[in-house]
């Protein structure tokens, strides 16, 4: 259903070849802290994933979303980490005022206190959207970088540098990742050749809205349906068919993809609600409950800016409603 023409390694990249050549200068032993910055969905996360595969000479990077429970000021806080054998990946801005605590109490104490046991090398910590962290968290991050140079390396992503202190910037290789507008046609040529079909370039360019993940989704979609509509149907299938054990893992994968597509929680909730209202799978009482829950979660995400938590809680509610 979704485009599979995604760079698997550095040699597959059509975009950002100048960045690739720069990254090839580093390996497991010479790895330094790196900050990728640029507009949303310009390719930062794909570059980071491919860079980790390059460092460890991997064909695939197997990841999973792990949930941890920690105590912060006598409060139970759930932490979600995308991780592999080689790295740990966080969206610290999801934790609001707890971002510093998650950084110091969990990442510092539980993860980077020792070297990577696989190769006795660096623990790689990927932190996204660090330009959204509060000042105290950034000060703590600088201190952690100074204290753990022997066992940890940090890879950051940010939309811009204006909110970042020079003390962070000076400790990283700063790499700008622009949206590659001038290379879109070259990429579409490649995709047409690979897929052996003609693409409606006008529709694709008008709907991708400077988003590489959305661009890939549209290329592999024969009817050029809005990617959000596709994922909404996919979520509904997961809710209806997944058992209680596999459901949460499957739904987290979709939420992460929606995050890459830059759809806001409000857009996702409203579109899913419209889907439910038109559906014959729910009676009027269930639909009323779903409308109330949608309003609660929309308010929650606006107030707290917790992207993953708001959506996950909402879809858990729908799954539980389906169980009765």
C-alpha atoms as a PDB file:
ATOM      1  CA  UNK A   1       0.000   0.000   0.000  1.00  0.00           C
ATOM      2  CA  UNK A   2       2.832   2.383   0.784  1.00  0.00           C
ATOM      3  CA  UNK A   3       5.882   3.278  -1.241  1.00  0.00           C
ATOM      4  CA  UNK A   4       8.815   0.941  -0.781  1.00  0.00           C
ATOM      5  CA  UNK A   5      11.246   3.102  -2.685  1.00  0.00           C
ATOM      6  CA  UNK A   6      12.992   4.399   0.407  1.00  0.00           C
ATOM      7  CA  UNK A   7      16.806   4.589   0.643  1.00  0.00           C
ATOM      8  CA  UNK A   8      18.093   1.432   2.294  1.00  0.00           C
ATOM      9  CA  UNK A   9      21.719   2.545   2.411  1.00  0.00           C
ATOM     10  CA  UNK A  10      23.863   5.489   1.412  1.00  0.00           C
ATOM     11  CA  UNK A  11      24.303   4.271  -2.162  1.00  0.00           C
ATOM     12  CA  UNK A  12      20.520   4.354  -2.722  1.00  0.00           C
ATOM     13  CA  UNK A  13      20.145   8.072  -1.959  1.00  0.00           C
ATOM     14  CA  UNK A  14      19.126  10.416  -4.754  1.00  0.00           C
ATOM     15  CA  UNK A  15      18.627  13.356  -2.389  1.00  0.00           C
ATOM     16  CA  UNK A  16      21.288  14.874  -0.127  1.00  0.00           C
ATOM     17  CA  UNK A  17      24.306  13.221  -1.761  1.00  0.00           C
ATOM     18  CA  UNK A  18      26.558  16.020  -0.488  1.00  0.00           C
ATOM     19  CA  UNK A  19      25.479  15.182   3.073  1.00  0.00           C
ATOM     20  CA  UNK A  20      26.059  11.469   2.463  1.00  0.00           C
ATOM     21  CA  UNK A  21      29.624  12.119   1.304  1.00  0.00           C
ATOM     22  CA  UNK A  22      30.271  14.117   4.465  1.00  0.00           C
ATOM     23  CA  UNK A  23      28.870  11.377   6.720  1.00  0.00           C
ATOM     24  CA  UNK A  24      30.984   8.695   5.050  1.00  0.00           C
ATOM     25  CA  UNK A  25      34.021  10.211   6.762  1.00  0.00           C
ATOM     26  CA  UNK A  26      32.887   8.735  10.089  1.00  0.00           C
ATOM     27  CA  UNK A  27      32.840   5.227  11.499  1.00  0.00           C
ATOM     28  CA  UNK A  28      32.338   3.511  14.874  1.00  0.00           C
ATOM     29  CA  UNK A  29      35.684   4.760  16.157  1.00  0.00           C
ATOM     30  CA  UNK A  30      35.578   8.318  14.814  1.00  0.00           C
ATOM     31  CA  UNK A  31      31.895   9.014  15.522  1.00  0.00           C
ATOM     32  CA  UNK A  32      31.113  12.509  16.842  1.00  0.00           C
ATOM     33  CA  UNK A  33      27.981  14.286  18.009  1.00  0.00           C
ATOM     34  CA  UNK A  34      25.891  15.397  15.026  1.00  0.00           C
ATOM     35  CA  UNK A  35      23.001  17.841  14.687  1.00  0.00           C
ATOM     36  CA  UNK A  36      20.781  17.611  11.601  1.00  0.00           C
ATOM     37  CA  UNK A  37      18.651  20.717  11.121  1.00  0.00           C
ATOM     38  CA  UNK A  38      16.190  21.825   8.472  1.00  0.00           C
ATOM     39  CA  UNK A  39      12.459  22.111   7.708  1.00  0.00           C
ATOM     40  CA  UNK A  40       9.994  19.394   8.692  1.00  0.00           C
ATOM     41  CA  UNK A  41      10.133  16.194   6.628  1.00  0.00           C
ATOM     42  CA  UNK A  42      13.171  17.229   4.627  1.00  0.00           C
ATOM     43  CA  UNK A  43      14.754  13.811   5.246  1.00  0.00           C
ATOM     44  CA  UNK A  44      16.495  14.161   8.624  1.00  0.00           C
ATOM     45  CA  UNK A  45      15.155  10.940  10.163  1.00  0.00           C
ATOM     46  CA  UNK A  46      15.919   8.865   7.049  1.00  0.00           C
ATOM     47  CA  UNK A  47      19.466  10.232   7.052  1.00  0.00           C
ATOM     48  CA  UNK A  48      19.914   9.366  10.737  1.00  0.00           C
ATOM     49  CA  UNK A  49      18.641   5.810  10.274  1.00  0.00           C
ATOM     50  CA  UNK A  50      20.818   5.262   7.200  1.00  0.00           C
ATOM     51  CA  UNK A  51      23.829   6.722   8.996  1.00  0.00           C
ATOM     52  CA  UNK A  52      23.444   4.235  11.870  1.00  0.00           C
ATOM     53  CA  UNK A  53      23.200   1.382   9.346  1.00  0.00           C
ATOM     54  CA  UNK A  54      26.311   2.687   7.610  1.00  0.00           C
ATOM     55  CA  UNK A  55      28.296   2.891  10.839  1.00  0.00           C
ATOM     56  CA  UNK A  56      27.499  -0.695  11.800  1.00  0.00           C
ATOM     57  CA  UNK A  57      27.484  -2.077   8.234  1.00  0.00           C
ATOM     58  CA  UNK A  58      23.855  -3.222   8.473  1.00  0.00           C
ATOM     59  CA  UNK A  59      21.449  -4.124   5.687  1.00  0.00           C
ATOM     60  CA  UNK A  60      18.489  -3.451   7.959  1.00  0.00           C
ATOM     61  CA  UNK A  61      18.037  -1.685  11.278  1.00  0.00           C
ATOM     62  CA  UNK A  62      15.484  -3.637  13.302  1.00  0.00           C
ATOM     63  CA  UNK A  63      13.693  -1.291  15.708  1.00  0.00           C
ATOM     64  CA  UNK A  64      10.894  -1.618  18.222  1.00  0.00           C
ATOM     65  CA  UNK A  65       8.982   0.814  20.398  1.00  0.00           C
ATOM     66  CA  UNK A  66       9.608   0.035  24.068  1.00  0.00           C
ATOM     67  CA  UNK A  67       7.669   1.541  26.961  1.00  0.00           C
ATOM     68  CA  UNK A  68       9.375   2.237  30.289  1.00  0.00           C
ATOM     69  CA  UNK A  69       7.846   3.380  33.587  1.00  0.00           C
ATOM     70  CA  UNK A  70       9.887   5.689  35.802  1.00  0.00           C
ATOM     71  CA  UNK A  71       9.227   7.706  38.954  1.00  0.00           C
ATOM     72  CA  UNK A  72       9.542  11.488  38.742  1.00  0.00           C
ATOM     73  CA  UNK A  73       8.659  13.465  41.881  1.00  0.00           C
ATOM     74  CA  UNK A  74       6.485  10.570  43.091  1.00  0.00           C
ATOM     75  CA  UNK A  75       4.641  10.533  39.768  1.00  0.00           C
ATOM     76  CA  UNK A  76       4.595   7.525  37.439  1.00  0.00           C
ATOM     77  CA  UNK A  77       5.753   8.647  34.000  1.00  0.00           C
ATOM     78  CA  UNK A  78       5.665   6.467  30.898  1.00  0.00           C
ATOM     79  CA  UNK A  79       8.573   6.814  28.494  1.00  0.00           C
ATOM     80  CA  UNK A  80       8.441   5.583  24.921  1.00  0.00           C
ATOM     81  CA  UNK A  81      11.722   4.752  23.213  1.00  0.00           C
ATOM     82  CA  UNK A  82      12.336   3.642  19.634  1.00  0.00           C
ATOM     83  CA  UNK A  83      15.361   1.413  19.964  1.00  0.00           C
ATOM     84  CA  UNK A  84      17.544  -1.202  18.338  1.00  0.00           C
ATOM     85  CA  UNK A  85      20.644  -3.076  19.447  1.00  0.00           C
ATOM     86  CA  UNK A  86      22.649  -0.078  18.288  1.00  0.00           C
ATOM     87  CA  UNK A  87      20.753   3.058  19.308  1.00  0.00           C
ATOM     88  CA  UNK A  88      18.021   4.681  21.437  1.00  0.00           C
ATOM     89  CA  UNK A  89      15.644   7.258  20.008  1.00  0.00           C
ATOM     90  CA  UNK A  90      13.501   9.770  21.931  1.00  0.00           C
ATOM     91  CA  UNK A  91      11.121  12.695  21.392  1.00  0.00           C
ATOM     92  CA  UNK A  92      11.890  14.487  24.669  1.00  0.00           C
ATOM     93  CA  UNK A  93       9.526  17.383  23.914  1.00  0.00           C
ATOM     94  CA  UNK A  94       6.669  14.887  24.423  1.00  0.00           C
ATOM     95  CA  UNK A  95       7.293  15.040  28.177  1.00  0.00           C
ATOM     96  CA  UNK A  96       6.828  18.772  28.679  1.00  0.00           C
ATOM     97  CA  UNK A  97       8.279  19.879  32.019  1.00  0.00           C
ATOM     98  CA  UNK A  98       9.585  16.347  32.575  1.00  0.00           C
ATOM     99  CA  UNK A  99      12.027  16.530  29.644  1.00  0.00           C
ATOM    100  CA  UNK A 100      14.969  17.328  31.934  1.00  0.00           C
ATOM    101  CA  UNK A 101      14.028  14.511  34.333  1.00  0.00           C
ATOM    102  CA  UNK A 102      13.742  11.960  31.530  1.00  0.00           C
ATOM    103  CA  UNK A 103      17.111  13.102  30.248  1.00  0.00           C
ATOM    104  CA  UNK A 104      18.893  12.998  33.614  1.00  0.00           C
ATOM    105  CA  UNK A 105      17.058  10.237  35.493  1.00  0.00           C
ATOM    106  CA  UNK A 106      16.608   7.784  32.655  1.00  0.00           C
ATOM    107  CA  UNK A 107      18.830   8.451  29.643  1.00  0.00           C
ATOM    108  CA  UNK A 108      21.853   9.447  31.709  1.00  0.00           C
ATOM    109  CA  UNK A 109      21.511   6.954  34.578  1.00  0.00           C
ATOM    110  CA  UNK A 110      20.003   3.933  32.829  1.00  0.00           C
ATOM    111  CA  UNK A 111      21.375   4.045  29.277  1.00  0.00           C
ATOM    112  CA  UNK A 112      24.642   5.895  28.758  1.00  0.00           C
ATOM    113  CA  UNK A 113      26.439   4.978  31.963  1.00  0.00           C
ATOM    114  CA  UNK A 114      28.086   2.038  30.139  1.00  0.00           C
ATOM    115  CA  UNK A 115      29.394   1.294  26.654  1.00  0.00           C
ATOM    116  CA  UNK A 116      27.528  -0.629  23.981  1.00  0.00           C
ATOM    117  CA  UNK A 117      27.993  -4.306  24.881  1.00  0.00           C
ATOM    118  CA  UNK A 118      27.682  -5.395  21.237  1.00  0.00           C
ATOM    119  CA  UNK A 119      31.009  -3.896  20.227  1.00  0.00           C
ATOM    120  CA  UNK A 120      32.212  -2.150  23.391  1.00  0.00           C
ATOM    121  CA  UNK A 121      31.598   1.072  21.482  1.00  0.00           C
ATOM    122  CA  UNK A 122      29.472   4.158  21.908  1.00  0.00           C
ATOM    123  CA  UNK A 123      25.847   4.218  22.970  1.00  0.00           C
ATOM    124  CA  UNK A 124      24.096   6.222  20.262  1.00  0.00           C
ATOM    125  CA  UNK A 125      21.316   8.449  21.592  1.00  0.00           C
ATOM    126  CA  UNK A 126      19.038  10.053  18.997  1.00  0.00           C
ATOM    127  CA  UNK A 127      17.031  13.026  20.279  1.00  0.00           C
ATOM    128  CA  UNK A 128      14.479  14.593  17.942  1.00  0.00           C
ATOM    129  CA  UNK A 129      13.195  18.175  17.990  1.00  0.00           C
ATOM    130  CA  UNK A 130      15.717  19.404  20.548  1.00  0.00           C
ATOM    131  CA  UNK A 131      14.880  22.969  19.545  1.00  0.00           C
ATOM    132  CA  UNK A 132      11.578  22.409  21.406  1.00  0.00           C
ATOM    133  CA  UNK A 133      13.238  21.556  24.735  1.00  0.00           C
ATOM    134  CA  UNK A 134      13.181  24.018  27.602  1.00  0.00           C
ATOM    135  CA  UNK A 135      16.339  25.848  28.647  1.00  0.00           C
ATOM    136  CA  UNK A 136      16.992  23.734  31.748  1.00  0.00           C
ATOM    137  CA  UNK A 137      16.849  20.534  29.696  1.00  0.00           C
ATOM    138  CA  UNK A 138      19.326  21.966  27.189  1.00  0.00           C
ATOM    139  CA  UNK A 139      21.711  22.940  29.994  1.00  0.00           C
ATOM    140  CA  UNK A 140      21.512  19.403  31.387  1.00  0.00           C
ATOM    141  CA  UNK A 141      22.079  17.987  27.925  1.00  0.00           C
ATOM    142  CA  UNK A 142      25.244  20.020  27.506  1.00  0.00           C
ATOM    143  CA  UNK A 143      26.557  18.740  30.852  1.00  0.00           C
ATOM    144  CA  UNK A 144      25.735  15.118  29.957  1.00  0.00           C
ATOM    145  CA  UNK A 145      27.574  15.486  26.643  1.00  0.00           C
ATOM    146  CA  UNK A 146      30.649  16.733  28.518  1.00  0.00           C
ATOM    147  CA  UNK A 147      30.574  13.969  31.141  1.00  0.00           C
ATOM    148  CA  UNK A 148      30.006  10.983  28.845  1.00  0.00           C
ATOM    149  CA  UNK A 149      32.312  11.551  25.891  1.00  0.00           C
ATOM    150  CA  UNK A 150      33.904   8.121  26.389  1.00  0.00           C
ATOM    151  CA  UNK A 151      30.728   6.046  26.152  1.00  0.00           C
ATOM    152  CA  UNK A 152      28.024   8.027  24.331  1.00  0.00           C
ATOM    153  CA  UNK A 153      27.429   9.941  21.122  1.00  0.00           C
ATOM    154  CA  UNK A 154      24.382  12.085  20.448  1.00  0.00           C
ATOM    155  CA  UNK A 155      22.571  12.586  17.160  1.00  0.00           C
ATOM    156  CA  UNK A 156      20.030  15.401  17.150  1.00  0.00           C
ATOM    157  CA  UNK A 157      17.350  16.694  14.828  1.00  0.00           C
ATOM    158  CA  UNK A 158      15.899  20.201  14.877  1.00  0.00           C
ATOM    159  CA  UNK A 159      13.861  22.420  12.588  1.00  0.00           C
ATOM    160  CA  UNK A 160      16.029  25.472  13.217  1.00  0.00           C
ATOM    161  CA  UNK A 161      18.963  26.627  15.319  1.00  0.00           C
ATOM    162  CA  UNK A 162      17.625  29.903  16.687  1.00  0.00           C
ATOM    163  CA  UNK A 163      16.571  28.419  20.058  1.00  0.00           C
ATOM    164  CA  UNK A 164      19.724  26.365  20.572  1.00  0.00           C
ATOM    165  CA  UNK A 165      22.581  27.596  22.717  1.00  0.00           C
ATOM    166  CA  UNK A 166      26.037  27.942  21.211  1.00  0.00           C
ATOM    167  CA  UNK A 167      27.327  25.486  23.835  1.00  0.00           C
ATOM    168  CA  UNK A 168      25.278  22.730  22.131  1.00  0.00           C
ATOM    169  CA  UNK A 169      26.089  23.792  18.582  1.00  0.00           C
ATOM    170  CA  UNK A 170      29.820  23.967  19.263  1.00  0.00           C
ATOM    171  CA  UNK A 171      29.855  20.337  20.475  1.00  0.00           C
ATOM    172  CA  UNK A 172      28.269  18.975  17.294  1.00  0.00           C
ATOM    173  CA  UNK A 173      28.860  18.674  13.600  1.00  0.00           C
ATOM    174  CA  UNK A 174      25.978  20.842  12.332  1.00  0.00           C
ATOM    175  CA  UNK A 175      24.467  19.588   9.064  1.00  0.00           C
ATOM    176  CA  UNK A 176      21.727  21.520   7.276  1.00  0.00           C
ATOM    177  CA  UNK A 177      19.140  19.308   5.556  1.00  0.00           C
ATOM    178  CA  UNK A 178      17.076  21.390   3.097  1.00  0.00           C
ATOM    179  CA  UNK A 179      13.982  20.109   1.320  1.00  0.00           C
ATOM    180  CA  UNK A 180      15.399  19.003  -2.069  1.00  0.00           C
ATOM    181  CA  UNK A 181      12.894  20.714  -4.384  1.00  0.00           C
ATOM    182  CA  UNK A 182      15.280  20.808  -7.323  1.00  0.00           C
ATOM    183  CA  UNK A 183      15.713  17.031  -7.237  1.00  0.00           C
ATOM    184  CA  UNK A 184      12.062  15.953  -7.144  1.00  0.00           C
ATOM    185  CA  UNK A 185      11.852  15.343 -10.896  1.00  0.00           C
ATOM    186  CA  UNK A 186      15.048  13.304 -10.837  1.00  0.00           C
ATOM    187  CA  UNK A 187      13.566  11.237  -8.010  1.00  0.00           C
ATOM    188  CA  UNK A 188      10.291  10.722  -9.893  1.00  0.00           C
ATOM    189  CA  UNK A 189      12.273   9.587 -12.958  1.00  0.00           C
ATOM    190  CA  UNK A 190      13.970   7.009 -10.786  1.00  0.00           C
ATOM    191  CA  UNK A 191      10.648   5.844  -9.284  1.00  0.00           C
ATOM    192  CA  UNK A 192       8.980   5.497 -12.684  1.00  0.00           C
ATOM    193  CA  UNK A 193      11.843   3.359 -13.875  1.00  0.00           C
ATOM    194  CA  UNK A 194      11.820   1.270 -10.694  1.00  0.00           C
ATOM    195  CA  UNK A 195       8.047   0.784 -10.595  1.00  0.00           C
ATOM    196  CA  UNK A 196       7.731   0.556 -14.388  1.00  0.00           C
ATOM    197  CA  UNK A 197       4.750   2.905 -14.542  1.00  0.00           C
ATOM    198  CA  UNK A 198       3.996   6.536 -15.326  1.00  0.00           C
ATOM    199  CA  UNK A 199       3.298   8.891 -12.441  1.00  0.00           C
ATOM    200  CA  UNK A 200       0.987  11.882 -12.334  1.00  0.00           C
ATOM    201  CA  UNK A 201       3.647  14.373 -11.318  1.00  0.00           C
ATOM    202  CA  UNK A 202       1.279  17.311 -11.037  1.00  0.00           C
ATOM    203  CA  UNK A 203      -0.912  15.521  -8.471  1.00  0.00           C
ATOM    204  CA  UNK A 204       2.054  14.179  -6.544  1.00  0.00           C
ATOM    205  CA  UNK A 205       3.804  17.546  -6.313  1.00  0.00           C
ATOM    206  CA  UNK A 206       0.603  19.357  -5.300  1.00  0.00           C
ATOM    207  CA  UNK A 207      -0.224  16.858  -2.541  1.00  0.00           C
ATOM    208  CA  UNK A 208       3.213  16.106  -1.091  1.00  0.00           C
ATOM    209  CA  UNK A 209       3.537  19.661   0.320  1.00  0.00           C
ATOM    210  CA  UNK A 210       7.320  19.583   0.772  1.00  0.00           C
ATOM    211  CA  UNK A 211       7.190  16.343   2.758  1.00  0.00           C
ATOM    212  CA  UNK A 212       9.403  13.459   1.619  1.00  0.00           C
ATOM    213  CA  UNK A 213       7.494  10.810   3.539  1.00  0.00           C
ATOM    214  CA  UNK A 214       4.216  12.019   2.032  1.00  0.00           C
ATOM    215  CA  UNK A 215       5.872  12.109  -1.398  1.00  0.00           C
ATOM    216  CA  UNK A 216       6.819   8.423  -1.113  1.00  0.00           C
ATOM    217  CA  UNK A 217       3.337   7.465   0.071  1.00  0.00           C
ATOM    218  CA  UNK A 218       1.730   9.166  -2.939  1.00  0.00           C
ATOM    219  CA  UNK A 219       4.119   7.603  -5.462  1.00  0.00           C
ATOM    220  CA  UNK A 220       3.137   4.076  -4.528  1.00  0.00           C
ATOM    221  CA  UNK A 221      -0.564   4.913  -4.297  1.00  0.00           C
ATOM    222  CA  UNK A 222      -2.147   4.345  -7.716  1.00  0.00           C
ATOM    223  CA  UNK A 223      -5.136   6.610  -7.015  1.00  0.00           C
ATOM    224  CA  UNK A 224      -3.063   9.332  -5.304  1.00  0.00           C
ATOM    225  CA  UNK A 225      -5.365   9.210  -2.280  1.00  0.00           C
ATOM    226  CA  UNK A 226      -4.545  11.533   0.591  1.00  0.00           C
ATOM    227  CA  UNK A 227      -2.050   9.610   2.800  1.00  0.00           C
ATOM    228  CA  UNK A 228      -4.041  10.476   5.938  1.00  0.00           C
ATOM    229  CA  UNK A 229      -7.109   8.741   4.495  1.00  0.00           C
ATOM    230  CA  UNK A 230      -5.027   5.612   3.852  1.00  0.00           C
ATOM    231  CA  UNK A 231      -3.659   5.506   7.391  1.00  0.00           C
ATOM    232  CA  UNK A 232      -7.081   6.152   8.942  1.00  0.00           C
ATOM    233  CA  UNK A 233      -8.389   3.016   7.208  1.00  0.00           C
ATOM    234  CA  UNK A 234      -5.256   1.162   8.284  1.00  0.00           C
ATOM    235  CA  UNK A 235      -5.856   2.156  11.920  1.00  0.00           C
ATOM    236  CA  UNK A 236      -9.439   0.957  11.709  1.00  0.00           C
ATOM    237  CA  UNK A 237      -8.277  -2.421  10.356  1.00  0.00           C
ATOM    238  CA  UNK A 238      -5.777  -2.755  13.224  1.00  0.00           C
ATOM    239  CA  UNK A 239      -8.460  -1.967  15.809  1.00  0.00           C
ATOM    240  CA  UNK A 240     -10.842  -4.527  14.304  1.00  0.00           C
ATOM    241  CA  UNK A 241      -8.389  -7.364  13.612  1.00  0.00           C
ATOM    242  CA  UNK A 242      -5.450  -7.112  16.065  1.00  0.00           C
ATOM    243  CA  UNK A 243      -5.613  -9.031  19.316  1.00  0.00           C
ATOM    244  CA  UNK A 244      -4.983  -7.221  22.590  1.00  0.00           C
ATOM    245  CA  UNK A 245      -1.337  -8.322  22.688  1.00  0.00           C
ATOM    246  CA  UNK A 246      -0.299  -7.102  19.228  1.00  0.00           C
ATOM    247  CA  UNK A 247      -2.630  -4.098  19.037  1.00  0.00           C
ATOM    248  CA  UNK A 248      -0.532  -1.519  20.875  1.00  0.00           C
ATOM    249  CA  UNK A 249       2.658  -2.320  18.946  1.00  0.00           C
ATOM    250  CA  UNK A 250       0.839  -2.118  15.624  1.00  0.00           C
ATOM    251  CA  UNK A 251      -0.872   1.145  16.488  1.00  0.00           C
ATOM    252  CA  UNK A 252       2.403   2.743  17.647  1.00  0.00           C
ATOM    253  CA  UNK A 253       3.989   1.999  14.282  1.00  0.00           C
ATOM    254  CA  UNK A 254       1.143   3.834  12.525  1.00  0.00           C
ATOM    255  CA  UNK A 255       1.303   6.805  14.919  1.00  0.00           C
ATOM    256  CA  UNK A 256       5.020   7.123  14.247  1.00  0.00           C
ATOM    257  CA  UNK A 257       4.368   7.137  10.478  1.00  0.00           C
ATOM    258  CA  UNK A 258       1.689   9.792  10.918  1.00  0.00           C
ATOM    259  CA  UNK A 259       4.223  11.840  12.863  1.00  0.00           C
ATOM    260  CA  UNK A 260       6.652  11.559   9.938  1.00  0.00           C
ATOM    261  CA  UNK A 261       3.898  12.770   7.626  1.00  0.00           C
ATOM    262  CA  UNK A 262       3.505  15.907   9.791  1.00  0.00           C
ATOM    263  CA  UNK A 263      -0.207  15.407  10.397  1.00  0.00           C
ATOM    264  CA  UNK A 264      -1.271  17.142  13.595  1.00  0.00           C
ATOM    265  CA  UNK A 265      -3.114  15.167  16.304  1.00  0.00           C
ATOM    266  CA  UNK A 266      -6.127  17.416  15.705  1.00  0.00           C
ATOM    267  CA  UNK A 267      -6.241  16.485  11.998  1.00  0.00           C
ATOM    268  CA  UNK A 268      -5.869  12.781  12.789  1.00  0.00           C
ATOM    269  CA  UNK A 269      -8.564  12.803  15.469  1.00  0.00           C
ATOM    270  CA  UNK A 270     -11.044  14.776  13.340  1.00  0.00           C
ATOM    271  CA  UNK A 271     -10.503  12.611  10.270  1.00  0.00           C
ATOM    272  CA  UNK A 272     -10.840   9.423  12.269  1.00  0.00           C
ATOM    273  CA  UNK A 273     -13.992  10.785  13.905  1.00  0.00           C
ATOM    274  CA  UNK A 274     -15.496  11.531  10.472  1.00  0.00           C
ATOM    275  CA  UNK A 275     -14.631   7.972   9.446  1.00  0.00           C
ATOM    276  CA  UNK A 276     -16.367   6.579  12.548  1.00  0.00           C
ATOM    277  CA  UNK A 277     -19.497   8.718  12.086  1.00  0.00           C
ATOM    278  CA  UNK A 278     -19.934   7.353   8.541  1.00  0.00           C
ATOM    279  CA  UNK A 279     -19.204   3.797   9.652  1.00  0.00           C
ATOM    280  CA  UNK A 280     -21.968   1.244  10.236  1.00  0.00           C
ATOM    281  CA  UNK A 281     -19.789  -0.672  12.725  1.00  0.00           C
ATOM    282  CA  UNK A 282     -20.818   1.562  15.656  1.00  0.00           C
ATOM    283  CA  UNK A 283     -24.219   2.376  17.104  1.00  0.00           C
ATOM    284  CA  UNK A 284     -25.339   5.878  18.123  1.00  0.00           C
ATOM    285  CA  UNK A 285     -24.381   5.417  21.789  1.00  0.00           C
ATOM    286  CA  UNK A 286     -20.845   4.283  20.850  1.00  0.00           C
ATOM    287  CA  UNK A 287     -20.462   7.163  18.406  1.00  0.00           C
ATOM    288  CA  UNK A 288     -21.488   9.643  21.099  1.00  0.00           C
ATOM    289  CA  UNK A 289     -18.846   8.200  23.463  1.00  0.00           C
ATOM    290  CA  UNK A 290     -16.213   8.412  20.723  1.00  0.00           C
ATOM    291  CA  UNK A 291     -17.095  12.071  20.038  1.00  0.00           C
ATOM    292  CA  UNK A 292     -16.652  12.863  23.756  1.00  0.00           C
ATOM    293  CA  UNK A 293     -13.322  11.016  23.913  1.00  0.00           C
ATOM    294  CA  UNK A 294     -12.116  12.748  20.747  1.00  0.00           C
ATOM    295  CA  UNK A 295     -12.864  16.158  22.292  1.00  0.00           C
ATOM    296  CA  UNK A 296     -10.997  15.211  25.491  1.00  0.00           C
ATOM    297  CA  UNK A 297      -7.910  14.068  23.623  1.00  0.00           C
ATOM    298  CA  UNK A 298      -7.922  17.055  21.292  1.00  0.00           C
ATOM    299  CA  UNK A 299      -7.970  19.346  24.326  1.00  0.00           C
ATOM    300  CA  UNK A 300      -5.261  17.247  26.001  1.00  0.00           C
ATOM    301  CA  UNK A 301      -2.858  17.405  23.071  1.00  0.00           C
ATOM    302  CA  UNK A 302      -3.324  21.163  22.658  1.00  0.00           C
ATOM    303  CA  UNK A 303      -2.617  21.689  26.338  1.00  0.00           C
ATOM    304  CA  UNK A 304       0.322  19.309  26.737  1.00  0.00           C
ATOM    305  CA  UNK A 305       1.765  18.975  23.213  1.00  0.00           C
ATOM    306  CA  UNK A 306       2.077  15.197  23.756  1.00  0.00           C
ATOM    307  CA  UNK A 307       1.658  13.843  20.242  1.00  0.00           C
ATOM    308  CA  UNK A 308       2.127  10.100  20.803  1.00  0.00           C
ATOM    309  CA  UNK A 309       0.348   9.861  24.156  1.00  0.00           C
ATOM    310  CA  UNK A 310      -2.832  11.650  23.059  1.00  0.00           C
ATOM    311  CA  UNK A 311      -3.290   9.526  19.946  1.00  0.00           C
ATOM    312  CA  UNK A 312      -2.357   6.280  21.644  1.00  0.00           C
ATOM    313  CA  UNK A 313      -4.843   6.855  24.478  1.00  0.00           C
ATOM    314  CA  UNK A 314      -7.598   7.655  21.998  1.00  0.00           C
ATOM    315  CA  UNK A 315      -7.101   4.516  19.923  1.00  0.00           C
ATOM    316  CA  UNK A 316      -6.867   2.366  23.063  1.00  0.00           C
ATOM    317  CA  UNK A 317     -10.277   3.759  24.010  1.00  0.00           C
ATOM    318  CA  UNK A 318     -11.667   2.777  20.585  1.00  0.00           C
ATOM    319  CA  UNK A 319     -10.150  -0.698  20.885  1.00  0.00           C
ATOM    320  CA  UNK A 320     -11.719  -1.194  24.318  1.00  0.00           C
ATOM    321  CA  UNK A 321     -15.048   0.030  22.969  1.00  0.00           C
ATOM    322  CA  UNK A 322     -14.789  -2.604  20.228  1.00  0.00           C
ATOM    323  CA  UNK A 323     -14.243  -5.313  22.830  1.00  0.00           C
ATOM    324  CA  UNK A 324     -17.749  -4.989  24.243  1.00  0.00           C
END
